[in-house]
Amino acid sequence: PNQVWCGDVTYVWAGNKWLYLAAVMDLFARRIVGWACSDSPNSDLTCAALRMAYESRGRPQNVMFHSDQGCHYTSLQFRQTLWKYQLTQSMSRRGNCWDNAPMERFFRSFKTEWMPKECYNNYAEAERDTLKYILQHYNTKRGHSYNNYLSPVMMEAAA
């Protein structure tokens, strides 16, 4: 754990506006270790998710953080946050989603396995259900082929 993290942002229709979700995944067991929701996809959102990951994982040093080249990851604010936490930045090749495939797969699983087909009624419902997916399903119950079909929490416990 805490060798390589990756992050990305997705959006969910929440009744009358978008909910943006930034997530940080520890690649060791594919566990989501940080997340944040907002109605704006800016650097505050990605920094909040990174801050949660950093604090929840015991303030690890020398972690590599990988993302795409989105403006919220190339911003001065985000780069300063990485520097403050002594994390190394890595970025995908421009336009190549395969370079961040674990995050893309997480968002695909969320949207196809969990989200209601007819979207959420409001922002609060979307946020509540998103956190429920991460905390009560994805990290704790959902098996991953990468982990020999153990959940991320079970894989980390077995390590």
N, C-alpha and C. Protein backbone atom coordinates (compact mmCIF):
# COMPACT_ATOMS: atom_id res chain seq x y z
N PRO A 1 0.82 -1.22 0.00
CA PRO A 1 0.00 0.00 0.00
C PRO A 1 0.85 1.27 0.00
N ASN A 2 0.25 2.34 -0.47
CA ASN A 2 0.87 3.67 -0.44
C ASN A 2 2.14 3.78 -1.27
N GLN A 3 2.20 3.05 -2.37
CA GLN A 3 3.30 3.21 -3.31
C GLN A 3 2.87 4.08 -4.49
N VAL A 4 1.71 3.73 -5.08
CA VAL A 4 1.18 4.47 -6.21
C VAL A 4 -0.32 4.69 -6.00
N TRP A 5 -0.72 5.95 -6.09
CA TRP A 5 -2.13 6.31 -6.07
C TRP A 5 -2.47 6.88 -7.44
N CYS A 6 -3.72 6.77 -7.82
CA CYS A 6 -4.16 7.44 -9.04
C CYS A 6 -5.47 8.16 -8.75
N GLY A 7 -5.76 9.15 -9.55
CA GLY A 7 -6.96 9.95 -9.32
C GLY A 7 -7.61 10.37 -10.62
N ASP A 8 -8.89 10.68 -10.51
CA ASP A 8 -9.63 11.19 -11.66
C ASP A 8 -10.92 11.83 -11.16
N VAL A 9 -11.62 12.47 -12.07
CA VAL A 9 -12.88 13.15 -11.77
C VAL A 9 -13.93 12.66 -12.74
N THR A 10 -15.13 12.43 -12.24
CA THR A 10 -16.28 12.12 -13.09
C THR A 10 -17.45 12.98 -12.65
N TYR A 11 -18.53 12.89 -13.37
CA TYR A 11 -19.70 13.69 -13.03
C TYR A 11 -20.96 12.84 -13.13
N VAL A 12 -21.95 13.22 -12.32
CA VAL A 12 -23.21 12.50 -12.20
C VAL A 12 -24.33 13.54 -12.22
N TRP A 13 -25.38 13.30 -13.00
CA TRP A 13 -26.51 14.22 -13.01
C TRP A 13 -27.29 14.06 -11.71
N ALA A 14 -27.50 15.17 -11.03
CA ALA A 14 -28.11 15.15 -9.69
C ALA A 14 -29.39 15.99 -9.66
N GLY A 15 -30.33 15.64 -10.49
CA GLY A 15 -31.62 16.32 -10.48
C GLY A 15 -31.67 17.58 -11.30
N ASN A 16 -30.94 18.60 -10.87
CA ASN A 16 -30.94 19.86 -11.61
C ASN A 16 -29.54 20.44 -11.80
N LYS A 17 -28.52 19.69 -11.42
CA LYS A 17 -27.14 20.13 -11.63
C LYS A 17 -26.22 18.92 -11.56
N TRP A 18 -24.98 19.12 -11.92
CA TRP A 18 -24.00 18.04 -11.90
C TRP A 18 -23.37 17.92 -10.52
N LEU A 19 -23.12 16.69 -10.11
CA LEU A 19 -22.28 16.39 -8.96
C LEU A 19 -20.96 15.89 -9.53
N TYR A 20 -19.87 16.51 -9.15
CA TYR A 20 -18.54 16.08 -9.59
C TYR A 20 -17.91 15.29 -8.47
N LEU A 21 -17.36 14.13 -8.81
CA LEU A 21 -16.70 13.24 -7.86
C LEU A 21 -15.24 13.12 -8.23
N ALA A 22 -14.37 13.50 -7.30
CA ALA A 22 -12.94 13.25 -7.44
C ALA A 22 -12.62 12.08 -6.53
N ALA A 23 -11.89 11.11 -7.05
CA ALA A 23 -11.53 9.94 -6.25
C ALA A 23 -10.04 9.67 -6.38
N VAL A 24 -9.48 9.12 -5.30
CA VAL A 24 -8.08 8.71 -5.26
C VAL A 24 -8.05 7.23 -4.92
N MET A 25 -7.36 6.45 -5.73
CA MET A 25 -7.28 5.00 -5.56
C MET A 25 -5.84 4.59 -5.24
N ASP A 26 -5.67 3.73 -4.24
CA ASP A 26 -4.38 3.10 -3.99
C ASP A 26 -4.32 1.87 -4.90
N LEU A 27 -3.35 1.84 -5.80
CA LEU A 27 -3.29 0.76 -6.78
C LEU A 27 -2.95 -0.60 -6.18
N PHE A 28 -2.42 -0.64 -4.97
CA PHE A 28 -2.06 -1.92 -4.36
C PHE A 28 -3.23 -2.89 -4.36
N ALA A 29 -4.39 -2.45 -3.88
CA ALA A 29 -5.58 -3.31 -3.81
C ALA A 29 -6.79 -2.68 -4.49
N ARG A 30 -6.56 -1.58 -5.22
CA ARG A 30 -7.64 -0.86 -5.91
C ARG A 30 -8.63 -0.24 -4.93
N ARG A 31 -8.15 0.14 -3.76
CA ARG A 31 -9.02 0.74 -2.74
C ARG A 31 -9.14 2.24 -2.94
N ILE A 32 -10.36 2.76 -2.84
CA ILE A 32 -10.58 4.20 -2.89
C ILE A 32 -10.23 4.74 -1.51
N VAL A 33 -9.19 5.58 -1.45
CA VAL A 33 -8.67 6.06 -0.17
C VAL A 33 -8.97 7.54 0.06
N GLY A 34 -9.46 8.21 -0.95
CA GLY A 34 -9.85 9.61 -0.82
C GLY A 34 -10.91 9.95 -1.84
N TRP A 35 -11.81 10.85 -1.47
CA TRP A 35 -12.85 11.28 -2.40
C TRP A 35 -13.41 12.61 -1.93
N ALA A 36 -14.01 13.31 -2.86
CA ALA A 36 -14.68 14.57 -2.55
C ALA A 36 -15.74 14.79 -3.62
N CYS A 37 -16.83 15.42 -3.22
CA CYS A 37 -17.91 15.78 -4.13
C CYS A 37 -18.09 17.29 -4.12
N SER A 38 -18.47 17.82 -5.28
CA SER A 38 -18.68 19.27 -5.40
C SER A 38 -19.57 19.53 -6.61
N ASP A 39 -20.10 20.74 -6.68
CA ASP A 39 -20.84 21.12 -7.88
C ASP A 39 -19.94 21.86 -8.87
N SER A 40 -18.63 21.84 -8.60
CA SER A 40 -17.66 22.47 -9.49
C SER A 40 -16.43 21.57 -9.64
N PRO A 41 -15.99 21.29 -10.87
CA PRO A 41 -14.84 20.40 -11.07
C PRO A 41 -13.52 21.16 -11.05
N ASN A 42 -13.21 21.79 -9.94
CA ASN A 42 -12.01 22.62 -9.88
C ASN A 42 -10.93 21.98 -9.01
N SER A 43 -9.86 22.71 -8.81
CA SER A 43 -8.73 22.20 -8.03
C SER A 43 -9.07 22.03 -6.55
N ASP A 44 -10.01 22.79 -6.03
CA ASP A 44 -10.43 22.58 -4.64
C ASP A 44 -10.97 21.16 -4.47
N LEU A 45 -11.70 20.68 -5.46
CA LEU A 45 -12.26 19.33 -5.42
C LEU A 45 -11.17 18.27 -5.39
N THR A 46 -10.23 18.35 -6.33
CA THR A 46 -9.18 17.33 -6.40
C THR A 46 -8.23 17.43 -5.20
N CYS A 47 -7.98 18.63 -4.71
CA CYS A 47 -7.14 18.79 -3.52
C CYS A 47 -7.82 18.20 -2.29
N ALA A 48 -9.14 18.35 -2.19
CA ALA A 48 -9.87 17.78 -1.05
C ALA A 48 -9.79 16.26 -1.06
N ALA A 49 -9.93 15.65 -2.23
CA ALA A 49 -9.82 14.19 -2.33
C ALA A 49 -8.41 13.73 -1.98
N LEU A 50 -7.41 14.45 -2.46
CA LEU A 50 -6.02 14.11 -2.15
C LEU A 50 -5.73 14.27 -0.66
N ARG A 51 -6.24 15.34 -0.07
CA ARG A 51 -6.05 15.58 1.37
C ARG A 51 -6.65 14.43 2.19
N MET A 52 -7.85 13.99 1.81
CA MET A 52 -8.47 12.87 2.52
C MET A 52 -7.60 11.62 2.40
N ALA A 53 -7.11 11.34 1.20
CA ALA A 53 -6.26 10.16 1.01
C ALA A 53 -5.01 10.26 1.89
N TYR A 54 -4.38 11.40 1.85
CA TYR A 54 -3.14 11.61 2.61
C TYR A 54 -3.37 11.42 4.11
N GLU A 55 -4.42 12.00 4.63
CA GLU A 55 -4.71 11.89 6.07
C GLU A 55 -5.18 10.49 6.45
N SER A 56 -6.07 9.91 5.64
CA SER A 56 -6.63 8.60 5.99
C SER A 56 -5.60 7.48 5.90
N ARG A 57 -4.55 7.70 5.13
CA ARG A 57 -3.51 6.67 4.98
C ARG A 57 -2.31 6.94 5.89
N GLY A 58 -2.45 7.83 6.84
CA GLY A 58 -1.39 8.05 7.82
C GLY A 58 -0.26 8.94 7.33
N ARG A 59 -0.55 9.85 6.42
CA ARG A 59 0.43 10.80 5.90
C ARG A 59 1.69 10.13 5.33
N PRO A 60 1.52 9.22 4.39
CA PRO A 60 2.68 8.52 3.83
C PRO A 60 3.56 9.44 3.01
N GLN A 61 4.82 9.11 2.92
CA GLN A 61 5.78 9.88 2.14
C GLN A 61 6.15 9.11 0.88
N ASN A 62 6.58 9.85 -0.12
CA ASN A 62 7.12 9.28 -1.36
C ASN A 62 6.13 8.42 -2.14
N VAL A 63 4.87 8.77 -2.09
CA VAL A 63 3.86 8.10 -2.91
C VAL A 63 3.86 8.76 -4.28
N MET A 64 3.73 7.97 -5.32
CA MET A 64 3.55 8.52 -6.66
C MET A 64 2.05 8.70 -6.90
N PHE A 65 1.66 9.88 -7.36
CA PHE A 65 0.26 10.16 -7.68
C PHE A 65 0.11 10.30 -9.18
N HIS A 66 -0.71 9.43 -9.78
CA HIS A 66 -0.90 9.42 -11.23
C HIS A 66 -2.30 9.91 -11.59
N SER A 67 -2.38 10.71 -12.64
CA SER A 67 -3.67 11.22 -13.12
C SER A 67 -3.57 11.52 -14.61
N ASP A 68 -4.69 11.95 -15.16
CA ASP A 68 -4.65 12.47 -16.52
C ASP A 68 -4.11 13.90 -16.48
N GLN A 69 -4.15 14.58 -17.61
CA GLN A 69 -3.60 15.94 -17.69
C GLN A 69 -4.69 17.00 -17.58
N GLY A 70 -5.78 16.68 -16.89
CA GLY A 70 -6.86 17.65 -16.69
C GLY A 70 -6.37 18.87 -15.94
N CYS A 71 -7.04 20.00 -16.18
CA CYS A 71 -6.59 21.27 -15.60
C CYS A 71 -6.59 21.25 -14.07
N HIS A 72 -7.45 20.46 -13.45
CA HIS A 72 -7.47 20.41 -11.98
C HIS A 72 -6.26 19.65 -11.44
N TYR A 73 -5.59 18.85 -12.28
CA TYR A 73 -4.37 18.16 -11.85
C TYR A 73 -3.09 18.88 -12.27
N THR A 74 -3.19 19.75 -13.25
CA THR A 74 -2.01 20.52 -13.68
C THR A 74 -1.95 21.89 -13.02
N SER A 75 -2.98 22.24 -12.25
CA SER A 75 -3.04 23.57 -11.63
C SER A 75 -1.93 23.76 -10.60
N LEU A 76 -1.58 25.00 -10.39
CA LEU A 76 -0.58 25.34 -9.38
C LEU A 76 -1.05 24.88 -8.00
N GLN A 77 -2.31 25.08 -7.69
CA GLN A 77 -2.85 24.68 -6.39
C GLN A 77 -2.66 23.18 -6.15
N PHE A 78 -2.96 22.36 -7.13
CA PHE A 78 -2.82 20.91 -6.95
C PHE A 78 -1.34 20.51 -6.86
N ARG A 79 -0.52 21.09 -7.71
CA ARG A 79 0.91 20.76 -7.66
C ARG A 79 1.54 21.19 -6.34
N GLN A 80 1.11 22.32 -5.78
CA GLN A 80 1.61 22.74 -4.47
C GLN A 80 1.16 21.79 -3.37
N THR A 81 -0.04 21.25 -3.49
CA THR A 81 -0.52 20.28 -2.50
C THR A 81 0.31 19.01 -2.57
N LEU A 82 0.61 18.54 -3.77
CA LEU A 82 1.49 17.37 -3.92
C LEU A 82 2.85 17.64 -3.28
N TRP A 83 3.41 18.82 -3.54
CA TRP A 83 4.72 19.18 -2.98
C TRP A 83 4.66 19.22 -1.45
N LYS A 84 3.61 19.82 -0.92
CA LYS A 84 3.44 19.91 0.54
C LYS A 84 3.43 18.52 1.19
N TYR A 85 2.79 17.56 0.53
CA TYR A 85 2.70 16.20 1.07
C TYR A 85 3.86 15.31 0.63
N GLN A 86 4.79 15.86 -0.13
CA GLN A 86 5.96 15.12 -0.64
C GLN A 86 5.54 13.93 -1.49
N LEU A 87 4.58 14.16 -2.37
CA LEU A 87 4.12 13.15 -3.31
C LEU A 87 4.66 13.50 -4.70
N THR A 88 4.97 12.49 -5.48
CA THR A 88 5.51 12.68 -6.82
C THR A 88 4.39 12.60 -7.85
N GLN A 89 4.38 13.55 -8.77
CA GLN A 89 3.32 13.58 -9.77
C GLN A 89 3.72 12.81 -11.02
N SER A 90 2.77 12.02 -11.53
CA SER A 90 2.90 11.31 -12.79
C SER A 90 1.63 11.58 -13.58
N MET A 91 1.77 11.73 -14.89
CA MET A 91 0.59 12.02 -15.71
C MET A 91 0.53 11.13 -16.93
N SER A 92 -0.70 10.83 -17.32
CA SER A 92 -0.95 10.05 -18.52
C SER A 92 -0.49 10.81 -19.76
N ARG A 93 -0.26 10.05 -20.82
CA ARG A 93 -0.02 10.69 -22.11
C ARG A 93 -1.31 11.39 -22.53
N ARG A 94 -1.18 12.50 -23.18
CA ARG A 94 -2.34 13.28 -23.59
C ARG A 94 -3.30 12.43 -24.42
N GLY A 95 -4.56 12.43 -23.99
CA GLY A 95 -5.61 11.74 -24.74
C GLY A 95 -5.59 10.22 -24.65
N ASN A 96 -4.80 9.66 -23.72
CA ASN A 96 -4.71 8.20 -23.62
C ASN A 96 -5.35 7.73 -22.32
N CYS A 97 -6.61 7.35 -22.36
CA CYS A 97 -7.32 6.93 -21.15
C CYS A 97 -6.78 5.62 -20.58
N TRP A 98 -6.09 4.83 -21.39
CA TRP A 98 -5.56 3.55 -20.90
C TRP A 98 -4.49 3.75 -19.83
N ASP A 99 -3.84 4.90 -19.83
CA ASP A 99 -2.79 5.16 -18.84
C ASP A 99 -3.36 5.30 -17.42
N ASN A 100 -4.65 5.52 -17.30
CA ASN A 100 -5.29 5.64 -15.99
C ASN A 100 -6.47 4.67 -15.91
N ALA A 101 -6.29 3.49 -16.50
CA ALA A 101 -7.37 2.52 -16.63
C ALA A 101 -8.03 2.11 -15.31
N PRO A 102 -7.29 1.94 -14.20
CA PRO A 102 -7.99 1.55 -12.96
C PRO A 102 -9.03 2.57 -12.50
N MET A 103 -8.74 3.85 -12.67
CA MET A 103 -9.72 4.87 -12.28
C MET A 103 -10.91 4.87 -13.25
N GLU A 104 -10.63 4.72 -14.53
CA GLU A 104 -11.71 4.67 -15.51
C GLU A 104 -12.62 3.47 -15.23
N ARG A 105 -12.03 2.36 -14.84
CA ARG A 105 -12.80 1.15 -14.53
C ARG A 105 -13.65 1.36 -13.27
N PHE A 106 -13.10 2.03 -12.27
CA PHE A 106 -13.88 2.32 -11.06
C PHE A 106 -15.12 3.14 -11.41
N PHE A 107 -14.94 4.19 -12.20
CA PHE A 107 -16.09 5.03 -12.56
C PHE A 107 -17.09 4.26 -13.41
N ARG A 108 -16.60 3.41 -14.30
CA ARG A 108 -17.51 2.59 -15.11
C ARG A 108 -18.33 1.66 -14.22
N SER A 109 -17.66 1.02 -13.26
CA SER A 109 -18.38 0.12 -12.34
C SER A 109 -19.44 0.88 -11.56
N PHE A 110 -19.07 2.04 -11.07
CA PHE A 110 -20.02 2.86 -10.32
C PHE A 110 -21.25 3.20 -11.16
N LYS A 111 -21.02 3.63 -12.38
CA LYS A 111 -22.13 4.08 -13.22
C LYS A 111 -22.97 2.94 -13.78
N THR A 112 -22.37 1.77 -14.01
CA THR A 112 -23.15 0.67 -14.60
C THR A 112 -23.71 -0.29 -13.56
N GLU A 113 -23.03 -0.46 -12.44
CA GLU A 113 -23.47 -1.43 -11.44
C GLU A 113 -24.31 -0.81 -10.32
N TRP A 114 -24.19 0.47 -10.11
CA TRP A 114 -24.75 1.07 -8.90
C TRP A 114 -25.76 2.19 -9.16
N MET A 115 -25.41 3.11 -10.00
CA MET A 115 -26.28 4.28 -10.21
C MET A 115 -27.63 3.88 -10.77
N PRO A 116 -28.69 4.57 -10.35
CA PRO A 116 -30.00 4.29 -10.93
C PRO A 116 -30.04 4.69 -12.41
N LYS A 117 -30.75 3.92 -13.20
CA LYS A 117 -30.83 4.20 -14.64
C LYS A 117 -31.48 5.55 -14.93
N GLU A 118 -32.40 5.98 -14.06
CA GLU A 118 -33.13 7.22 -14.30
C GLU A 118 -32.58 8.38 -13.48
N CYS A 119 -31.34 8.43 -13.19
CA CYS A 119 -30.62 9.50 -12.49
C CYS A 119 -31.19 9.81 -11.10
N TYR A 120 -30.47 10.63 -10.39
CA TYR A 120 -30.84 10.99 -9.02
C TYR A 120 -31.83 12.15 -9.01
N ASN A 121 -32.60 12.25 -7.93
CA ASN A 121 -33.60 13.31 -7.81
C ASN A 121 -32.99 14.65 -7.43
N ASN A 122 -31.89 14.60 -6.65
CA ASN A 122 -31.27 15.84 -6.19
C ASN A 122 -29.82 15.59 -5.81
N TYR A 123 -29.12 16.66 -5.52
CA TYR A 123 -27.70 16.60 -5.21
C TYR A 123 -27.43 15.77 -3.95
N ALA A 124 -28.21 15.99 -2.90
CA ALA A 124 -28.00 15.28 -1.63
C ALA A 124 -28.14 13.77 -1.82
N GLU A 125 -29.12 13.35 -2.59
CA GLU A 125 -29.32 11.92 -2.85
C GLU A 125 -28.14 11.35 -3.64
N ALA A 126 -27.68 12.08 -4.63
CA ALA A 126 -26.54 11.62 -5.44
C ALA A 126 -25.28 11.50 -4.59
N GLU A 127 -25.03 12.48 -3.75
CA GLU A 127 -23.84 12.45 -2.89
C GLU A 127 -23.92 11.30 -1.89
N ARG A 128 -25.06 11.14 -1.25
CA ARG A 128 -25.25 10.07 -0.27
C ARG A 128 -25.05 8.69 -0.91
N ASP A 129 -25.61 8.49 -2.09
CA ASP A 129 -25.51 7.20 -2.76
C ASP A 129 -24.10 6.93 -3.27
N THR A 130 -23.42 7.98 -3.70
CA THR A 130 -22.03 7.84 -4.15
C THR A 130 -21.13 7.39 -3.00
N LEU A 131 -21.28 8.00 -1.84
CA LEU A 131 -20.47 7.62 -0.68
C LEU A 131 -20.84 6.22 -0.20
N LYS A 132 -22.10 5.87 -0.29
CA LYS A 132 -22.53 4.52 0.07
C LYS A 132 -21.85 3.49 -0.83
N TYR A 133 -21.76 3.78 -2.12
CA TYR A 133 -21.09 2.87 -3.05
C TYR A 133 -19.63 2.67 -2.66
N ILE A 134 -18.94 3.76 -2.39
CA ILE A 134 -17.51 3.66 -2.04
C ILE A 134 -17.32 2.92 -0.72
N LEU A 135 -18.02 3.35 0.31
CA LEU A 135 -17.78 2.85 1.67
C LEU A 135 -18.42 1.50 1.98
N GLN A 136 -19.61 1.26 1.46
CA GLN A 136 -20.34 0.06 1.85
C GLN A 136 -20.37 -1.01 0.76
N HIS A 137 -19.87 -0.69 -0.42
CA HIS A 137 -19.88 -1.70 -1.47
C HIS A 137 -18.50 -1.88 -2.11
N TYR A 138 -18.02 -0.86 -2.80
CA TYR A 138 -16.81 -1.00 -3.60
C TYR A 138 -15.60 -1.43 -2.75
N ASN A 139 -15.29 -0.69 -1.70
CA ASN A 139 -14.11 -1.00 -0.89
C ASN A 139 -14.27 -2.26 -0.05
N THR A 140 -15.49 -2.54 0.40
CA THR A 140 -15.68 -3.59 1.41
C THR A 140 -16.27 -4.89 0.89
N LYS A 141 -17.06 -4.85 -0.18
CA LYS A 141 -17.76 -6.06 -0.63
C LYS A 141 -17.44 -6.50 -2.05
N ARG A 142 -17.17 -5.56 -2.92
CA ARG A 142 -17.02 -5.89 -4.34
C ARG A 142 -15.67 -6.56 -4.59
N GLY A 143 -15.72 -7.81 -5.08
CA GLY A 143 -14.50 -8.52 -5.42
C GLY A 143 -13.89 -7.98 -6.71
N HIS A 144 -12.58 -8.08 -6.81
CA HIS A 144 -11.86 -7.59 -7.99
C HIS A 144 -10.99 -8.71 -8.54
N SER A 145 -11.01 -8.90 -9.82
CA SER A 145 -10.16 -9.93 -10.42
C SER A 145 -8.69 -9.65 -10.09
N TYR A 146 -8.31 -8.38 -10.04
CA TYR A 146 -6.93 -8.01 -9.70
C TYR A 146 -6.53 -8.54 -8.33
N ASN A 147 -7.50 -8.64 -7.41
CA ASN A 147 -7.25 -9.10 -6.03
C ASN A 147 -7.67 -10.55 -5.83
N ASN A 148 -7.68 -11.34 -6.89
CA ASN A 148 -8.18 -12.73 -6.79
C ASN A 148 -9.58 -12.75 -6.19
N TYR A 149 -10.37 -11.79 -6.58
CA TYR A 149 -11.78 -11.65 -6.21
C TYR A 149 -12.01 -11.34 -4.73
N LEU A 150 -11.01 -10.80 -4.08
CA LEU A 150 -11.19 -10.22 -2.74
C LEU A 150 -11.56 -8.75 -2.91
N SER A 151 -12.26 -8.20 -1.93
CA SER A 151 -12.52 -6.76 -1.94
C SER A 151 -11.21 -6.03 -1.62
N PRO A 152 -11.12 -4.75 -1.93
CA PRO A 152 -9.90 -4.01 -1.60
C PRO A 152 -9.55 -4.06 -0.11
N VAL A 153 -10.54 -3.94 0.77
CA VAL A 153 -10.28 -3.99 2.22
C VAL A 153 -9.74 -5.37 2.61
N MET A 154 -10.34 -6.42 2.07
CA MET A 154 -9.88 -7.78 2.39
C MET A 154 -8.47 -8.02 1.85
N MET A 155 -8.18 -7.50 0.67
CA MET A 155 -6.85 -7.68 0.08
C MET A 155 -5.79 -6.98 0.93
N GLU A 156 -6.08 -5.77 1.37
CA GLU A 156 -5.11 -5.08 2.22
C GLU A 156 -4.92 -5.80 3.54
N ALA A 157 -5.99 -6.33 4.10
CA ALA A 157 -5.89 -7.05 5.38
C ALA A 157 -5.06 -8.32 5.22
N ALA A 158 -5.12 -8.94 4.05
CA ALA A 158 -4.37 -10.18 3.80
C ALA A 158 -2.90 -9.93 3.51
N ALA A 159 -2.56 -8.69 3.18
CA ALA A 159 -1.17 -8.37 2.79
C ALA A 159 -0.24 -8.33 3.99
